[in-house]
Amino acid sequence: EGRIRVTKQVEVNIPIGIHTGQQIRLQGYGGKGL
């Protein structure tokens, strides 16, 4: 594959005033590109 699956610790900032159902996006931490 050229890549290996690892587990990373990622910081998530909870925005002030956020509501249930809203989303926070972490760029590049989704599925592996082809």
PDB file of all heavy atoms in Angstrom:
ATOM      1  N   GLU A   1       0.816  -1.215   0.000  1.00  0.00           N
ATOM      2  CA  GLU A   1       0.000   0.000   0.000  1.00  0.00           C
ATOM      3  C   GLU A   1       0.853   1.270   0.000  1.00  0.00           C
ATOM      4  O   GLU A   1       0.424   2.316  -0.476  1.00  0.00           O
ATOM      5  CB  GLU A   1      -0.923   0.011   1.215  1.00  0.00           C
ATOM      6  CG  GLU A   1      -2.060  -0.987   1.152  1.00  0.00           C
ATOM      7  CD  GLU A   1      -3.089  -0.597   0.121  1.00  0.00           C
ATOM      8  OE1 GLU A   1      -3.352   0.599  -0.045  1.00  0.00           O
ATOM      9  OE2 GLU A   1      -3.623  -1.508  -0.539  1.00  0.00           O
ATOM     10  N   GLY A   2       2.042   1.197   0.562  1.00  0.00           N
ATOM     11  CA  GLY A   2       2.885   2.388   0.667  1.00  0.00           C
ATOM     12  C   GLY A   2       2.557   3.234   1.880  1.00  0.00           C
ATOM     13  O   GLY A   2       3.282   4.166   2.212  1.00  0.00           O
ATOM     14  N   ARG A   3       1.439   2.924   2.533  1.00  0.00           N
ATOM     15  CA  ARG A   3       1.035   3.634   3.738  1.00  0.00           C
ATOM     16  C   ARG A   3       0.598   2.624   4.778  1.00  0.00           C
ATOM     17  O   ARG A   3       0.181   1.514   4.449  1.00  0.00           O
ATOM     18  CB  ARG A   3      -0.139   4.586   3.459  1.00  0.00           C
ATOM     19  CG  ARG A   3       0.139   5.643   2.415  1.00  0.00           C
ATOM     20  CD  ARG A   3      -1.058   6.553   2.274  1.00  0.00           C
ATOM     21  NE  ARG A   3      -0.900   7.498   1.174  1.00  0.00           N
ATOM     22  CZ  ARG A   3      -1.766   8.467   0.896  1.00  0.00           C
ATOM     23  NH1 ARG A   3      -2.849   8.605   1.626  1.00  0.00           N
ATOM     24  NH2 ARG A   3      -1.558   9.281  -0.103  1.00  0.00           N
ATOM     25  N   ILE A   4       0.672   3.001   6.026  1.00  0.00           N
ATOM     26  CA  ILE A   4       0.221   2.135   7.104  1.00  0.00           C
ATOM     27  C   ILE A   4      -0.809   2.870   7.954  1.00  0.00           C
ATOM     28  O   ILE A   4      -0.777   4.090   8.079  1.00  0.00           O
ATOM     29  CB  ILE A   4       1.396   1.660   7.992  1.00  0.00           C
ATOM     30  CG1 ILE A   4       2.153   2.861   8.566  1.00  0.00           C
ATOM     31  CG2 ILE A   4       2.329   0.739   7.213  1.00  0.00           C
ATOM     32  CD1 ILE A   4       3.200   2.474   9.604  1.00  0.00           C
ATOM     33  N   ARG A   5      -1.701   2.102   8.500  1.00  0.00           N
ATOM     34  CA  ARG A   5      -2.747   2.669   9.358  1.00  0.00           C
ATOM     35  C   ARG A   5      -2.192   2.850  10.767  1.00  0.00           C
ATOM     36  O   ARG A   5      -1.631   1.921  11.341  1.00  0.00           O
ATOM     37  CB  ARG A   5      -3.957   1.732   9.371  1.00  0.00           C
ATOM     38  CG  ARG A   5      -5.195   2.289  10.059  1.00  0.00           C
ATOM     39  CD  ARG A   5      -6.288   1.223  10.040  1.00  0.00           C
ATOM     40  NE  ARG A   5      -7.489   1.675  10.703  1.00  0.00           N
ATOM     41  CZ  ARG A   5      -8.532   2.214  10.120  1.00  0.00           C
ATOM     42  NH1 ARG A   5      -8.514   2.371   8.808  1.00  0.00           N
ATOM     43  NH2 ARG A   5      -9.602   2.573  10.801  1.00  0.00           N
ATOM     44  N   VAL A   6      -2.354   4.015  11.304  1.00  0.00           N
ATOM     45  CA  VAL A   6      -1.867   4.314  12.641  1.00  0.00           C
ATOM     46  C   VAL A   6      -2.976   5.003  13.435  1.00  0.00           C
ATOM     47  O   VAL A   6      -4.016   5.381  12.881  1.00  0.00           O
ATOM     48  CB  VAL A   6      -0.620   5.232  12.591  1.00  0.00           C
ATOM     49  CG1 VAL A   6       0.531   4.539  11.891  1.00  0.00           C
ATOM     50  CG2 VAL A   6      -0.945   6.560  11.895  1.00  0.00           C
ATOM     51  N   THR A   7      -2.749   5.149  14.723  1.00  0.00           N
ATOM     52  CA  THR A   7      -3.683   5.893  15.576  1.00  0.00           C
ATOM     53  C   THR A   7      -3.000   7.173  16.019  1.00  0.00           C
ATOM     54  O   THR A   7      -1.881   7.139  16.547  1.00  0.00           O
ATOM     55  CB  THR A   7      -4.098   5.060  16.798  1.00  0.00           C
ATOM     56  OG1 THR A   7      -4.761   3.869  16.350  1.00  0.00           O
ATOM     57  CG2 THR A   7      -5.047   5.845  17.684  1.00  0.00           C
ATOM     58  N   LYS A   8      -3.686   8.294  15.793  1.00  0.00           N
ATOM     59  CA  LYS A   8      -3.104   9.586  16.136  1.00  0.00           C
ATOM     60  C   LYS A   8      -3.952  10.304  17.177  1.00  0.00           C
ATOM     61  O   LYS A   8      -5.181  10.171  17.201  1.00  0.00           O
ATOM     62  CB  LYS A   8      -2.973  10.463  14.890  1.00  0.00           C
ATOM     63  CG  LYS A   8      -1.882  10.025  13.934  1.00  0.00           C
ATOM     64  CD  LYS A   8      -1.685  11.049  12.824  1.00  0.00           C
ATOM     65  CE  LYS A   8      -0.514  10.683  11.932  1.00  0.00           C
ATOM     66  NZ  LYS A   8      -0.274  11.694  10.877  1.00  0.00           N
ATOM     67  N   GLN A   9      -3.271  11.054  18.014  1.00  0.00           N
ATOM     68  CA  GLN A   9      -3.946  11.935  18.964  1.00  0.00           C
ATOM     69  C   GLN A   9      -4.107  13.302  18.293  1.00  0.00           C
ATOM     70  O   GLN A   9      -3.126  13.934  17.905  1.00  0.00           O
ATOM     71  CB  GLN A   9      -3.127  12.072  20.242  1.00  0.00           C
ATOM     72  CG  GLN A   9      -3.046  10.809  21.073  1.00  0.00           C
ATOM     73  CD  GLN A   9      -4.351  10.542  21.808  1.00  0.00           C
ATOM     74  OE1 GLN A   9      -5.008  11.460  22.313  1.00  0.00           O
ATOM     75  NE2 GLN A   9      -4.739   9.278  21.851  1.00  0.00           N
ATOM     76  N   VAL A  10      -5.335  13.725  18.147  1.00  0.00           N
ATOM     77  CA  VAL A  10      -5.615  14.978  17.449  1.00  0.00           C
ATOM     78  C   VAL A  10      -6.347  15.928  18.385  1.00  0.00           C
ATOM     79  O   VAL A  10      -7.267  15.532  19.101  1.00  0.00           O
ATOM     80  CB  VAL A  10      -6.474  14.723  16.186  1.00  0.00           C
ATOM     81  CG1 VAL A  10      -6.738  16.027  15.457  1.00  0.00           C
ATOM     82  CG2 VAL A  10      -5.771  13.742  15.265  1.00  0.00           C
ATOM     83  N   GLU A  11      -5.926  17.179  18.391  1.00  0.00           N
ATOM     84  CA  GLU A  11      -6.599  18.197  19.208  1.00  0.00           C
ATOM     85  C   GLU A  11      -7.877  18.664  18.520  1.00  0.00           C
ATOM     86  O   GLU A  11      -7.890  18.942  17.321  1.00  0.00           O
ATOM     87  CB  GLU A  11      -5.686  19.401  19.427  1.00  0.00           C
ATOM     88  CG  GLU A  11      -4.696  19.220  20.561  1.00  0.00           C
ATOM     89  CD  GLU A  11      -4.080  20.534  20.994  1.00  0.00           C
ATOM     90  OE1 GLU A  11      -4.329  21.563  20.336  1.00  0.00           O
ATOM     91  OE2 GLU A  11      -3.335  20.533  21.990  1.00  0.00           O
ATOM     92  N   VAL A  12      -8.945  18.731  19.298  1.00  0.00           N
ATOM     93  CA  VAL A  12     -10.225  19.212  18.791  1.00  0.00           C
ATOM     94  C   VAL A  12     -10.637  20.406  19.638  1.00  0.00           C
ATOM     95  O   VAL A  12     -10.717  20.310  20.870  1.00  0.00           O
ATOM     96  CB  VAL A  12     -11.306  18.118  18.871  1.00  0.00           C
ATOM     97  CG1 VAL A  12     -12.633  18.653  18.339  1.00  0.00           C
ATOM     98  CG2 VAL A  12     -10.880  16.889  18.082  1.00  0.00           C
ATOM     99  N   ASN A  13     -10.882  21.527  18.997  1.00  0.00           N
ATOM    100  CA  ASN A  13     -11.338  22.726  19.699  1.00  0.00           C
ATOM    101  C   ASN A  13     -12.869  22.789  19.645  1.00  0.00           C
ATOM    102  O   ASN A  13     -13.455  22.860  18.562  1.00  0.00           O
ATOM    103  CB  ASN A  13     -10.742  23.985  19.054  1.00  0.00           C
ATOM    104  CG  ASN A  13      -9.248  24.055  19.234  1.00  0.00           C
ATOM    105  OD1 ASN A  13      -8.725  23.811  20.312  1.00  0.00           O
ATOM    106  ND2 ASN A  13      -8.535  24.382  18.163  1.00  0.00           N
ATOM    107  N   ILE A  14     -13.491  22.740  20.806  1.00  0.00           N
ATOM    108  CA  ILE A  14     -14.948  22.855  20.889  1.00  0.00           C
ATOM    109  C   ILE A  14     -15.300  24.341  20.881  1.00  0.00           C
ATOM    110  O   ILE A  14     -14.997  25.068  21.835  1.00  0.00           O
ATOM    111  CB  ILE A  14     -15.501  22.199  22.172  1.00  0.00           C
ATOM    112  CG1 ILE A  14     -14.970  20.768  22.319  1.00  0.00           C
ATOM    113  CG2 ILE A  14     -17.021  22.235  22.168  1.00  0.00           C
ATOM    114  CD1 ILE A  14     -15.320  19.862  21.180  1.00  0.00           C
ATOM    115  N   PRO A  15     -15.922  24.840  19.805  1.00  0.00           N
ATOM    116  CA  PRO A  15     -16.220  26.274  19.723  1.00  0.00           C
ATOM    117  C   PRO A  15     -17.271  26.698  20.753  1.00  0.00           C
ATOM    118  O   PRO A  15     -18.214  25.959  21.035  1.00  0.00           O
ATOM    119  CB  PRO A  15     -16.762  26.447  18.294  1.00  0.00           C
ATOM    120  CG  PRO A  15     -16.370  25.206  17.555  1.00  0.00           C
ATOM    121  CD  PRO A  15     -16.323  24.122  18.587  1.00  0.00           C
ATOM    122  N   ILE A  16     -17.103  27.880  21.286  1.00  0.00           N
ATOM    123  CA  ILE A  16     -18.091  28.440  22.214  1.00  0.00           C
ATOM    124  C   ILE A  16     -19.416  28.622  21.479  1.00  0.00           C
ATOM    125  O   ILE A  16     -19.462  29.120  20.355  1.00  0.00           O
ATOM    126  CB  ILE A  16     -17.598  29.787  22.772  1.00  0.00           C
ATOM    127  CG1 ILE A  16     -16.406  29.561  23.708  1.00  0.00           C
ATOM    128  CG2 ILE A  16     -18.721  30.530  23.499  1.00  0.00           C
ATOM    129  CD1 ILE A  16     -15.787  30.832  24.218  1.00  0.00           C
ATOM    130  N   GLY A  17     -20.498  28.205  22.125  1.00  0.00           N
ATOM    131  CA  GLY A  17     -21.838  28.414  21.576  1.00  0.00           C
ATOM    132  C   GLY A  17     -22.300  27.371  20.579  1.00  0.00           C
ATOM    133  O   GLY A  17     -23.390  27.501  20.028  1.00  0.00           O
ATOM    134  N   ILE A  18     -21.515  26.317  20.322  1.00  0.00           N
ATOM    135  CA  ILE A  18     -21.898  25.320  19.336  1.00  0.00           C
ATOM    136  C   ILE A  18     -23.161  24.591  19.789  1.00  0.00           C
ATOM    137  O   ILE A  18     -23.421  24.440  20.985  1.00  0.00           O
ATOM    138  CB  ILE A  18     -20.739  24.317  19.088  1.00  0.00           C
ATOM    139  CG1 ILE A  18     -20.992  23.506  17.816  1.00  0.00           C
ATOM    140  CG2 ILE A  18     -20.518  23.417  20.296  1.00  0.00           C
ATOM    141  CD1 ILE A  18     -19.785  22.713  17.361  1.00  0.00           C
ATOM    142  N   HIS A  19     -23.973  24.148  18.825  1.00  0.00           N
ATOM    143  CA  HIS A  19     -25.235  23.470  19.120  1.00  0.00           C
ATOM    144  C   HIS A  19     -25.140  21.985  18.785  1.00  0.00           C
ATOM    145  O   HIS A  19     -24.314  21.568  17.967  1.00  0.00           O
ATOM    146  CB  HIS A  19     -26.376  24.082  18.304  1.00  0.00           C
ATOM    147  CG  HIS A  19     -26.808  25.432  18.785  1.00  0.00           C
ATOM    148  ND1 HIS A  19     -27.877  25.620  19.635  1.00  0.00           N
ATOM    149  CD2 HIS A  19     -26.313  26.666  18.520  1.00  0.00           C
ATOM    150  CE1 HIS A  19     -28.025  26.919  19.877  1.00  0.00           C
ATOM    151  NE2 HIS A  19     -27.086  27.573  19.214  1.00  0.00           N
ATOM    152  N   THR A  20     -25.998  21.205  19.401  1.00  0.00           N
ATOM    153  CA  THR A  20     -26.107  19.789  19.062  1.00  0.00           C
ATOM    154  C   THR A  20     -26.397  19.632  17.572  1.00  0.00           C
ATOM    155  O   THR A  20     -27.255  20.323  17.020  1.00  0.00           O
ATOM    156  CB  THR A  20     -27.229  19.122  19.879  1.00  0.00           C
ATOM    157  OG1 THR A  20     -26.764  18.925  21.216  1.00  0.00           O
ATOM    158  CG2 THR A  20     -27.601  17.763  19.311  1.00  0.00           C
ATOM    159  N   GLY A  21     -25.684  18.731  16.933  1.00  0.00           N
ATOM    160  CA  GLY A  21     -25.885  18.477  15.506  1.00  0.00           C
ATOM    161  C   GLY A  21     -24.901  19.193  14.606  1.00  0.00           C
ATOM    162  O   GLY A  21     -24.716  18.801  13.444  1.00  0.00           O
ATOM    163  N   GLN A  22     -24.279  20.259  15.108  1.00  0.00           N
ATOM    164  CA  GLN A  22     -23.284  20.959  14.297  1.00  0.00           C
ATOM    165  C   GLN A  22     -21.994  20.149  14.243  1.00  0.00           C
ATOM    166  O   GLN A  22     -21.741  19.283  15.081  1.00  0.00           O
ATOM    167  CB  GLN A  22     -23.021  22.351  14.868  1.00  0.00           C
ATOM    168  CG  GLN A  22     -24.197  23.305  14.694  1.00  0.00           C
ATOM    169  CD  GLN A  22     -23.875  24.715  15.154  1.00  0.00           C
ATOM    170  OE1 GLN A  22     -23.255  24.910  16.192  1.00  0.00           O
ATOM    171  NE2 GLN A  22     -24.299  25.705  14.396  1.00  0.00           N
ATOM    172  N   GLN A  23     -21.182  20.426  13.205  1.00  0.00           N
ATOM    173  CA  GLN A  23     -20.003  19.612  12.955  1.00  0.00           C
ATOM    174  C   GLN A  23     -18.716  20.426  13.020  1.00  0.00           C
ATOM    175  O   GLN A  23     -18.703  21.619  12.730  1.00  0.00           O
ATOM    176  CB  GLN A  23     -20.098  18.942  11.582  1.00  0.00           C
ATOM    177  CG  GLN A  23     -21.219  17.917  11.471  1.00  0.00           C
ATOM    178  CD  GLN A  23     -21.240  17.242  10.117  1.00  0.00           C
ATOM    179  OE1 GLN A  23     -20.874  17.830   9.105  1.00  0.00           O
ATOM    180  NE2 GLN A  23     -21.648  15.993  10.074  1.00  0.00           N
ATOM    181  N   ILE A  24     -17.657  19.726  13.401  1.00  0.00           N
ATOM    182  CA  ILE A  24     -16.301  20.284  13.370  1.00  0.00           C
ATOM    183  C   ILE A  24     -15.527  19.505  12.320  1.00  0.00           C
ATOM    184  O   ILE A  24     -15.556  18.274  12.301  1.00  0.00           O
ATOM    185  CB  ILE A  24     -15.618  20.150  14.745  1.00  0.00           C
ATOM    186  CG1 ILE A  24     -16.413  20.928  15.806  1.00  0.00           C
ATOM    187  CG2 ILE A  24     -14.184  20.653  14.682  1.00  0.00           C
ATOM    188  CD1 ILE A  24     -15.922  20.686  17.215  1.00  0.00           C
ATOM    189  N   ARG A  25     -14.833  20.206  11.438  1.00  0.00           N
ATOM    190  CA  ARG A  25     -14.091  19.553  10.358  1.00  0.00           C
ATOM    191  C   ARG A  25     -12.595  19.489  10.675  1.00  0.00           C
ATOM    192  O   ARG A  25     -11.979  20.492  11.023  1.00  0.00           O
ATOM    193  CB  ARG A  25     -14.304  20.329   9.059  1.00  0.00           C
ATOM    194  CG  ARG A  25     -13.505  19.796   7.877  1.00  0.00           C
ATOM    195  CD  ARG A  25     -13.580  20.771   6.722  1.00  0.00           C
ATOM    196  NE  ARG A  25     -12.738  20.388   5.605  1.00  0.00           N
ATOM    197  CZ  ARG A  25     -12.318  21.220   4.668  1.00  0.00           C
ATOM    198  NH1 ARG A  25     -12.668  22.489   4.728  1.00  0.00           N
ATOM    199  NH2 ARG A  25     -11.567  20.803   3.684  1.00  0.00           N
ATOM    200  N   LEU A  26     -12.031  18.286  10.547  1.00  0.00           N
ATOM    201  CA  LEU A  26     -10.588  18.095  10.681  1.00  0.00           C
ATOM    202  C   LEU A  26     -10.063  17.673   9.316  1.00  0.00           C
ATOM    203  O   LEU A  26     -10.279  16.547   8.876  1.00  0.00           O
ATOM    204  CB  LEU A  26     -10.273  17.029  11.729  1.00  0.00           C
ATOM    205  CG  LEU A  26     -10.681  17.362  13.173  1.00  0.00           C
ATOM    206  CD1 LEU A  26     -10.294  16.228  14.102  1.00  0.00           C
ATOM    207  CD2 LEU A  26     -10.048  18.658  13.633  1.00  0.00           C
ATOM    208  N   GLN A  27      -9.395  18.599   8.643  1.00  0.00           N
ATOM    209  CA  GLN A  27      -8.957  18.363   7.276  1.00  0.00           C
ATOM    210  C   GLN A  27      -7.848  17.305   7.215  1.00  0.00           C
ATOM    211  O   GLN A  27      -6.872  17.355   7.960  1.00  0.00           O
ATOM    212  CB  GLN A  27      -8.465  19.668   6.651  1.00  0.00           C
ATOM    213  CG  GLN A  27      -8.189  19.576   5.165  1.00  0.00           C
ATOM    214  CD  GLN A  27      -7.892  20.948   4.573  1.00  0.00           C
ATOM    215  OE1 GLN A  27      -7.887  21.942   5.274  1.00  0.00           O
ATOM    216  NE2 GLN A  27      -7.658  20.990   3.276  1.00  0.00           N
ATOM    217  N   GLY A  28      -8.033  16.337   6.302  1.00  0.00           N
ATOM    218  CA  GLY A  28      -7.001  15.344   6.039  1.00  0.00           C
ATOM    219  C   GLY A  28      -7.015  14.142   6.955  1.00  0.00           C
ATOM    220  O   GLY A  28      -6.150  13.272   6.842  1.00  0.00           O
ATOM    221  N   TYR A  29      -8.005  14.044   7.846  1.00  0.00           N
ATOM    222  CA  TYR A  29      -8.058  12.911   8.767  1.00  0.00           C
ATOM    223  C   TYR A  29      -9.180  11.940   8.398  1.00  0.00           C
ATOM    224  O   TYR A  29      -9.628  11.161   9.228  1.00  0.00           O
ATOM    225  CB  TYR A  29      -8.230  13.397  10.202  1.00  0.00           C
ATOM    226  CG  TYR A  29      -6.966  14.003  10.767  1.00  0.00           C
ATOM    227  CD1 TYR A  29      -6.781  15.380  10.799  1.00  0.00           C
ATOM    228  CD2 TYR A  29      -5.934  13.196  11.235  1.00  0.00           C
ATOM    229  CE1 TYR A  29      -5.616  15.942  11.297  1.00  0.00           C
ATOM    230  CE2 TYR A  29      -4.765  13.749  11.737  1.00  0.00           C
ATOM    231  CZ  TYR A  29      -4.611  15.117  11.765  1.00  0.00           C
ATOM    232  OH  TYR A  29      -3.457  15.667  12.254  1.00  0.00           O
ATOM    233  N   GLY A  30      -9.606  11.971   7.138  1.00  0.00           N
ATOM    234  CA  GLY A  30     -10.623  11.040   6.663  1.00  0.00           C
ATOM    235  C   GLY A  30     -10.004   9.821   6.013  1.00  0.00           C
ATOM    236  O   GLY A  30      -8.906   9.393   6.355  1.00  0.00           O
ATOM    237  N   GLY A  31     -10.727   9.239   5.020  1.00  0.00           N
ATOM    238  CA  GLY A  31     -10.256   8.046   4.333  1.00  0.00           C
ATOM    239  C   GLY A  31      -9.012   8.302   3.502  1.00  0.00           C
ATOM    240  O   GLY A  31      -8.739   9.431   3.084  1.00  0.00           O
ATOM    241  N   LYS A  32      -8.266   7.251   3.254  1.00  0.00           N
ATOM    242  CA  LYS A  32      -7.003   7.344   2.524  1.00  0.00           C
ATOM    243  C   LYS A  32      -7.242   7.687   1.058  1.00  0.00           C
ATOM    244  O   LYS A  32      -8.110   7.131   0.398  1.00  0.00           O
ATOM    245  CB  LYS A  32      -6.254   6.015   2.623  1.00  0.00           C
ATOM    246  CG  LYS A  32      -4.894   6.011   1.941  1.00  0.00           C
ATOM    247  CD  LYS A  32      -4.197   4.686   2.097  1.00  0.00           C
ATOM    248  CE  LYS A  32      -4.917   3.577   1.353  1.00  0.00           C
ATOM    249  NZ  LYS A  32      -4.140   2.321   1.352  1.00  0.00           N
ATOM    250  N   GLY A  33      -6.470   8.630   0.528  1.00  0.00           N
ATOM    251  CA  GLY A  33      -6.545   8.968  -0.885  1.00  0.00           C
ATOM    252  C   GLY A  33      -5.960   7.854  -1.742  1.00  0.00           C
ATOM    253  O   GLY A  33      -5.146   7.047  -1.277  1.00  0.00           O
ATOM    254  N   LEU A  34      -6.376   7.817  -3.006  1.00  0.00           N
ATOM    255  CA  LEU A  34      -5.898   6.804  -3.939  1.00  0.00           C
ATOM    256  C   LEU A  34      -4.967   7.419  -4.972  1.00  0.00           C
ATOM    257  O   LEU A  34      -5.135   8.578  -5.362  1.00  0.00           O
ATOM    258  CB  LEU A  34      -7.084   6.135  -4.643  1.00  0.00           C
ATOM    259  CG  LEU A  34      -8.102   5.427  -3.751  1.00  0.00           C
ATOM    260  CD1 LEU A  34      -9.242   4.869  -4.592  1.00  0.00           C
ATOM    261  CD2 LEU A  34      -7.430   4.305  -2.959  1.00  0.00           C
TER     262      LEU A  34
END
